Amino acid sequence: MMSVHNNYYYSSLTKTLIPCSSIQTTNNPNSSFPSNIGFSPSVVVHGVSATSLWPSSSLLSCSSRRKRKGFKIEAIVAPVGEEEVERLLDTVKWDSKGLAVAIAQNVDTGAILMQGFANREALATTISTRKATFYSRSRSSLWTKGETSMNFINVHDVFLDCDRDSIIYLGKPDGPTCHTGMETCYYTSVNGLLPDSKLEQNKLAMTTLYSLESTITQRKAELAETENGKLSWTKKLLLDNKLLCSKIREEADELCRTLEENEDKSRAASEMADVLYHAMVLLAVKDVKVEDVFQVLRQRFSKSGIEEKSSRKAHS
């Protein structure tokens, strides 16, 4: 039994499990309630979002109602104990050896990082430590990804599939996941192994967006090799900031006009593709990854748009 799970609180406002270590105290000295569970207009949560695993009805034990700045706020928090975690583990359909497939996925890029196996203790350890933990069949013991390389996978959420016999650790890796030094363990395309294939044998499994980013990055790396040869459009944009910015403004305007002039959906999709492409070239010029952008977006999920803009002004 792992008492460490008592270090979590459930918030009915944010629908998340929050580690006690991340709970901020309120500015009101007369209040014993944490400010980031719902007792302020700004709800800030840092921790594991695990509503996919825990039914809220089994966790609620105390409540308080307050008014602040004209808002009536209700918050219900309760320690998450051993029994709740054990009930969760009981719902998993472990195989005859007490194992289930456990897949680690990048929370920002969507990339499948690796696949292993987990038993009850591995899943419980992942929930409590927020580090992706697996069960080694060869060593018959638990192992946490990164315990040797320090390239941990920091788990933001855990999902069970519809049959409850496989697990996804949704997290952010500290570095390359594969022992080969590759970003993920999936870099061998089957198409690349087939006869007469023109694909590279070692190619990361990427979504459309990241394939585009990879191509733009490659074009940027090739700039030093380009002398008197004909430049591609991407290389021209990479070399000419004025041209690049003018194209972004032009494409953004054309996207807006699809709404203003009531053009069809395919036209809007086409113009948005142009905006994305040109914006990603600008990111490449600035050495900013799309993953960095997604991380910023994820961190804003718990804030309102008005509040987020106000915080930016305050720090400018």
Protein backbone atom coordinates (compact mmCIF):
# COMPACT_ATOMS: atom_id res chain seq x y z
CA MET A 1 0.00 0.00 0.00
CA MET A 2 1.40 3.37 -0.98
CA SER A 3 0.51 6.18 1.40
CA VAL A 4 2.25 8.70 -0.88
CA HIS A 5 -1.05 9.08 -2.72
CA ASN A 6 -2.32 11.07 0.22
CA ASN A 7 -0.17 13.91 -1.15
CA TYR A 8 -2.86 14.75 -3.71
CA TYR A 9 -6.00 16.84 -3.53
CA TYR A 10 -8.95 16.73 -5.87
CA SER A 11 -10.42 20.02 -7.09
CA SER A 12 -14.02 20.03 -8.29
CA LEU A 13 -13.43 23.38 -10.01
CA THR A 14 -10.50 22.32 -12.15
CA LYS A 15 -11.48 18.63 -12.25
CA THR A 16 -7.89 17.62 -11.49
CA LEU A 17 -5.72 15.92 -8.92
CA ILE A 18 -3.25 18.45 -7.53
CA PRO A 19 -0.03 17.54 -5.68
CA CYS A 20 0.11 19.22 -2.28
CA SER A 21 3.60 20.50 -3.09
CA SER A 22 2.20 22.65 -5.90
CA ILE A 23 -0.71 24.18 -3.98
CA GLN A 24 -0.28 27.90 -3.44
CA THR A 25 -1.51 29.55 -0.25
CA THR A 26 -4.05 32.33 -0.62
CA ASN A 27 -3.15 35.99 -0.12
CA ASN A 28 -5.85 36.18 2.56
CA PRO A 29 -4.05 35.54 5.90
CA ASN A 30 -7.34 34.46 7.48
CA SER A 31 -7.89 31.69 4.97
CA SER A 32 -6.53 28.17 5.22
CA PHE A 33 -7.65 27.26 1.70
CA PRO A 34 -5.24 27.08 -1.24
CA SER A 35 -5.69 29.87 -3.78
CA ASN A 36 -5.15 27.73 -6.86
CA ILE A 37 -8.02 25.36 -6.15
CA GLY A 38 -10.65 27.98 -6.73
CA PHE A 39 -10.71 30.73 -4.14
CA SER A 40 -9.62 33.47 -6.49
CA PRO A 41 -10.75 34.65 -9.93
CA SER A 42 -7.46 33.24 -11.26
CA VAL A 43 -7.39 29.45 -11.21
CA VAL A 44 -3.79 28.27 -11.57
CA VAL A 45 -3.06 24.58 -11.45
CA HIS A 46 0.31 22.87 -11.73
CA GLY A 47 0.11 19.10 -11.46
CA VAL A 48 -1.39 15.90 -12.71
CA SER A 49 -4.70 16.12 -14.52
CA ALA A 50 -6.10 12.71 -13.84
CA THR A 51 -9.86 12.95 -14.10
CA SER A 52 -9.77 10.19 -16.69
CA LEU A 53 -8.81 7.82 -13.89
CA TRP A 54 -10.57 8.89 -10.72
CA PRO A 55 -14.35 9.24 -10.29
CA SER A 56 -14.94 12.50 -8.46
CA SER A 57 -17.86 11.11 -6.47
CA SER A 58 -15.51 8.85 -4.51
CA LEU A 59 -13.13 11.65 -3.57
CA LEU A 60 -15.27 14.49 -2.28
CA SER A 61 -15.38 14.86 1.47
CA CYS A 62 -15.53 18.54 2.40
CA SER A 63 -16.70 21.76 0.82
CA SER A 64 -16.72 25.49 1.35
CA ARG A 65 -18.61 28.32 -0.31
CA ARG A 66 -17.23 31.83 -0.55
CA LYS A 67 -17.81 35.12 -2.32
CA ARG A 68 -14.91 37.13 -3.66
CA LYS A 69 -15.04 40.12 -6.00
CA GLY A 70 -18.66 39.39 -6.85
CA PHE A 71 -18.08 35.72 -7.74
CA LYS A 72 -19.76 32.91 -5.86
CA ILE A 73 -17.23 30.11 -5.83
CA GLU A 74 -17.64 26.56 -4.62
CA ALA A 75 -14.63 24.35 -4.10
CA ILE A 76 -14.55 20.79 -2.89
CA VAL A 77 -11.23 19.23 -1.99
CA ALA A 78 -10.32 15.92 -0.46
CA PRO A 79 -7.16 13.91 0.09
CA VAL A 80 -6.81 11.05 -2.37
CA GLY A 81 -6.13 7.98 -0.25
CA GLU A 82 -4.89 4.48 -0.75
CA GLU A 83 -8.37 3.04 -1.21
CA GLU A 84 -9.15 5.25 -4.22
CA VAL A 85 -5.91 4.27 -5.95
CA GLU A 86 -6.44 0.59 -5.16
CA ARG A 87 -9.97 0.75 -6.59
CA LEU A 88 -8.55 2.31 -9.73
CA LEU A 89 -5.91 -0.42 -10.06
CA ASP A 90 -8.61 -3.06 -9.63
CA THR A 91 -10.38 -1.80 -12.76
CA VAL A 92 -7.38 -2.46 -15.01
CA LYS A 93 -7.52 -5.76 -16.91
CA TRP A 94 -4.07 -7.09 -16.11
CA ASP A 95 -2.97 -10.13 -18.11
CA SER A 96 -2.16 -13.55 -16.63
CA LYS A 97 1.24 -12.20 -15.54
CA GLY A 98 -0.27 -9.10 -13.94
CA LEU A 99 0.89 -6.79 -16.74
CA ALA A 100 -0.62 -4.33 -19.20
CA VAL A 101 0.91 -2.55 -22.18
CA ALA A 102 2.09 0.96 -21.23
CA ILE A 103 2.78 3.52 -23.97
CA ALA A 104 4.51 6.85 -23.39
CA GLN A 105 3.31 9.73 -25.58
CA ASN A 106 4.63 13.29 -25.83
CA VAL A 107 1.95 15.63 -24.45
CA ASP A 108 2.88 18.42 -26.86
CA THR A 109 3.90 16.74 -30.12
CA GLY A 110 1.73 13.64 -29.90
CA ALA A 111 4.77 11.50 -30.77
CA ILE A 112 4.74 7.93 -29.47
CA LEU A 113 7.92 7.83 -27.41
CA MET A 114 8.17 4.19 -26.33
CA GLN A 115 6.23 1.11 -25.29
CA GLY A 116 6.77 -1.05 -22.25
CA PHE A 117 4.75 -2.94 -19.67
CA ALA A 118 3.35 -1.91 -16.31
CA ASN A 119 2.02 -3.84 -13.32
CA ARG A 120 -0.02 -2.48 -10.41
CA GLU A 121 3.02 -1.12 -8.60
CA ALA A 122 4.45 0.53 -11.73
CA LEU A 123 1.19 2.35 -12.45
CA ALA A 124 0.81 3.38 -8.80
CA THR A 125 4.39 4.66 -8.78
CA THR A 126 3.79 6.64 -11.97
CA ILE A 127 0.71 8.25 -10.44
CA SER A 128 2.54 9.22 -7.24
CA THR A 129 5.89 10.34 -8.67
CA ARG A 130 4.69 11.65 -12.07
CA LYS A 131 7.65 9.85 -13.68
CA ALA A 132 6.88 7.18 -16.30
CA THR A 133 7.55 3.87 -14.56
CA PHE A 134 7.43 0.39 -16.09
CA TYR A 135 7.93 -3.25 -15.17
CA SER A 136 10.98 -4.98 -16.66
CA ARG A 137 10.11 -8.52 -17.67
CA SER A 138 13.77 -9.45 -18.08
CA ARG A 139 14.84 -8.14 -14.65
CA SER A 140 11.50 -8.83 -12.92
CA SER A 141 11.60 -5.39 -11.32
CA LEU A 142 10.30 -1.85 -11.67
CA TRP A 143 12.26 0.71 -13.65
CA THR A 144 11.68 4.41 -14.16
CA LYS A 145 12.53 5.78 -17.59
CA GLY A 146 15.50 8.11 -17.11
CA GLU A 147 16.86 6.59 -13.91
CA THR A 148 20.18 6.01 -15.72
CA SER A 149 20.16 8.56 -18.58
CA MET A 150 18.29 11.24 -16.58
CA ASN A 151 15.96 11.61 -19.58
CA PHE A 152 12.81 11.20 -17.50
CA ILE A 153 9.32 11.32 -18.95
CA ASN A 154 7.36 13.72 -16.74
CA VAL A 155 3.78 12.47 -16.73
CA HIS A 156 0.97 15.03 -17.00
CA ASP A 157 -1.90 12.55 -17.32
CA VAL A 158 -2.59 8.85 -17.55
CA PHE A 159 -5.25 7.26 -19.74
CA LEU A 160 -6.77 3.80 -19.92
CA ASP A 161 -8.23 2.51 -23.18
CA CYS A 162 -11.89 1.50 -23.58
CA ASP A 163 -11.13 -2.14 -22.64
CA ARG A 164 -8.94 -0.99 -19.72
CA ASP A 165 -6.14 -3.34 -20.75
CA SER A 166 -3.61 -0.79 -22.02
CA ILE A 167 -2.24 2.44 -20.61
CA ILE A 168 -0.95 5.74 -22.00
CA TYR A 169 1.46 7.90 -20.05
CA LEU A 170 0.99 11.37 -21.51
CA GLY A 171 4.06 13.37 -20.61
CA LYS A 172 6.99 15.62 -21.43
CA PRO A 173 10.39 13.97 -21.96
CA ASP A 174 13.53 15.58 -20.56
CA GLY A 175 15.56 14.40 -23.53
CA PRO A 176 15.80 11.62 -26.14
CA THR A 177 13.69 8.62 -25.14
CA CYS A 178 15.43 5.89 -27.14
CA HIS A 179 18.68 4.35 -25.87
CA THR A 180 20.10 5.01 -29.37
CA GLY A 181 19.81 8.74 -28.78
CA MET A 182 16.83 9.14 -31.08
CA GLU A 183 13.91 11.28 -29.93
CA THR A 184 11.57 8.28 -29.90
CA CYS A 185 11.96 4.53 -30.24
CA TYR A 186 9.97 4.63 -33.48
CA TYR A 187 12.25 5.73 -36.28
CA THR A 188 12.21 2.73 -38.64
CA SER A 189 9.60 3.08 -41.38
CA VAL A 190 8.31 -0.20 -42.80
CA ASN A 191 8.02 1.49 -46.19
CA GLY A 192 11.69 2.32 -45.97
CA LEU A 193 12.54 -1.36 -45.60
CA LEU A 194 10.60 -2.47 -48.67
CA PRO A 195 12.41 -3.13 -51.99
CA ASP A 196 12.76 -0.12 -54.32
CA SER A 197 11.73 2.27 -51.56
CA LYS A 198 13.02 5.83 -51.87
CA LEU A 199 12.38 6.58 -48.20
CA GLU A 200 15.22 6.87 -45.73
CA GLN A 201 15.46 3.83 -43.47
CA ASN A 202 15.83 5.90 -40.32
CA LYS A 203 12.94 8.35 -40.19
CA LEU A 204 11.03 9.41 -37.09
CA ALA A 205 7.30 8.68 -37.04
CA MET A 206 5.95 12.22 -37.32
CA THR A 207 2.59 13.89 -37.66
CA THR A 208 1.98 16.18 -40.65
CA LEU A 209 2.87 19.32 -38.69
CA TYR A 210 6.19 17.95 -37.47
CA SER A 211 7.09 16.56 -40.87
CA LEU A 212 6.70 20.09 -42.21
CA GLU A 213 8.83 21.50 -39.39
CA SER A 214 11.49 18.88 -40.10
CA THR A 215 11.58 19.85 -43.80
CA ILE A 216 11.89 23.56 -42.98
CA THR A 217 14.71 22.79 -40.51
CA GLN A 218 16.48 20.77 -43.18
CA ARG A 219 16.21 23.64 -45.68
CA LYS A 220 17.71 25.97 -43.08
CA ALA A 221 20.63 23.59 -42.53
CA GLU A 222 21.25 23.48 -46.27
CA LEU A 223 21.59 27.28 -46.59
CA ALA A 224 25.34 27.15 -45.93
CA GLU A 225 25.76 24.73 -48.83
CA THR A 226 23.80 26.91 -51.26
CA GLU A 227 26.02 29.17 -53.35
CA ASN A 228 24.95 30.01 -56.89
CA GLY A 229 22.24 27.36 -57.12
CA LYS A 230 18.55 28.12 -57.50
CA LEU A 231 16.91 28.75 -54.13
CA SER A 232 13.70 27.03 -53.09
CA TRP A 233 10.83 29.22 -51.85
CA THR A 234 11.48 28.13 -48.26
CA LYS A 235 15.16 29.10 -48.52
CA LYS A 236 14.24 32.49 -49.97
CA LEU A 237 11.95 33.12 -47.01
CA LEU A 238 14.63 32.00 -44.55
CA LEU A 239 17.09 34.50 -46.04
CA ASP A 240 14.75 37.48 -46.37
CA ASN A 241 13.00 38.66 -43.19
CA LYS A 242 11.14 41.43 -44.99
CA LEU A 243 9.74 39.01 -47.58
CA LEU A 244 8.79 36.50 -44.89
CA CYS A 245 6.93 39.04 -42.74
CA SER A 246 5.10 40.45 -45.74
CA LYS A 247 3.92 36.95 -46.71
CA ILE A 248 2.68 36.21 -43.19
CA ARG A 249 0.66 39.44 -43.16
CA GLU A 250 -0.65 38.72 -46.66
CA GLU A 251 -1.72 35.16 -45.85
CA ALA A 252 -3.30 36.19 -42.54
CA ASP A 253 -5.36 38.82 -44.39
CA GLU A 254 -6.50 36.25 -46.95
CA LEU A 255 -7.55 33.93 -44.14
CA CYS A 256 -9.64 36.70 -42.58
CA ARG A 257 -11.28 37.41 -45.91
CA THR A 258 -12.56 33.83 -46.12
CA LEU A 259 -14.73 34.75 -43.13
CA GLU A 260 -15.59 38.29 -44.19
CA GLU A 261 -16.55 37.20 -47.72
CA ASN A 262 -18.20 33.96 -46.62
CA GLU A 263 -15.95 31.71 -48.69
CA ASP A 264 -16.27 27.94 -48.37
CA LYS A 265 -14.51 25.74 -45.81
CA SER A 266 -11.95 24.38 -48.25
CA ARG A 267 -10.79 27.92 -49.00
CA ALA A 268 -10.41 28.68 -45.29
CA ALA A 269 -8.42 25.46 -44.79
CA SER A 270 -6.16 26.34 -47.72
CA GLU A 271 -5.45 29.83 -46.43
CA MET A 272 -4.83 28.54 -42.90
CA ALA A 273 -2.31 26.07 -44.33
CA ASP A 274 -0.48 29.02 -45.93
CA VAL A 275 -0.49 30.93 -42.63
CA LEU A 276 0.86 27.90 -40.74
CA TYR A 277 3.62 27.26 -43.24
CA HIS A 278 4.89 30.82 -43.34
CA ALA A 279 4.61 31.22 -39.57
CA MET A 280 6.63 28.02 -39.09
CA VAL A 281 9.36 29.39 -41.34
CA LEU A 282 9.50 32.46 -39.06
CA LEU A 283 9.77 30.14 -36.03
CA ALA A 284 12.69 28.38 -37.73
CA VAL A 285 14.42 31.73 -38.27
CA LYS A 286 13.94 32.46 -34.55
CA ASP A 287 15.05 28.93 -33.54
CA VAL A 288 11.68 28.30 -31.89
CA LYS A 289 10.14 24.84 -32.12
CA VAL A 290 6.43 24.19 -32.62
CA GLU A 291 6.66 22.08 -29.47
CA ASP A 292 7.63 25.25 -27.55
CA VAL A 293 4.49 26.95 -28.84
CA PHE A 294 2.31 24.01 -27.80
CA GLN A 295 3.84 24.06 -24.34
CA VAL A 296 2.89 27.73 -23.93
CA LEU A 297 -0.66 26.93 -25.08
CA ARG A 298 -0.92 24.02 -22.63
CA GLN A 299 0.18 26.25 -19.76
CA ARG A 300 -2.64 28.67 -20.62
CA PHE A 301 -5.39 26.04 -20.46
CA SER A 302 -6.28 26.87 -16.85
CA LYS A 303 -6.50 30.63 -17.49
CA SER A 304 -9.12 32.74 -19.19
CA GLY A 305 -8.00 34.63 -22.29
CA ILE A 306 -8.63 38.01 -20.65
CA GLU A 307 -6.66 37.01 -17.57
CA GLU A 308 -3.76 35.65 -19.62
CA LYS A 309 -3.46 38.88 -21.62
CA SER A 310 -3.53 40.92 -18.42
CA SER A 311 -0.69 38.86 -16.96
CA ARG A 312 1.40 39.49 -20.08
CA LYS A 313 0.88 43.26 -19.76
CA ALA A 314 1.87 43.09 -16.09
CA HIS A 315 5.19 41.43 -16.94
CA SER A 316 5.99 43.62 -19.96
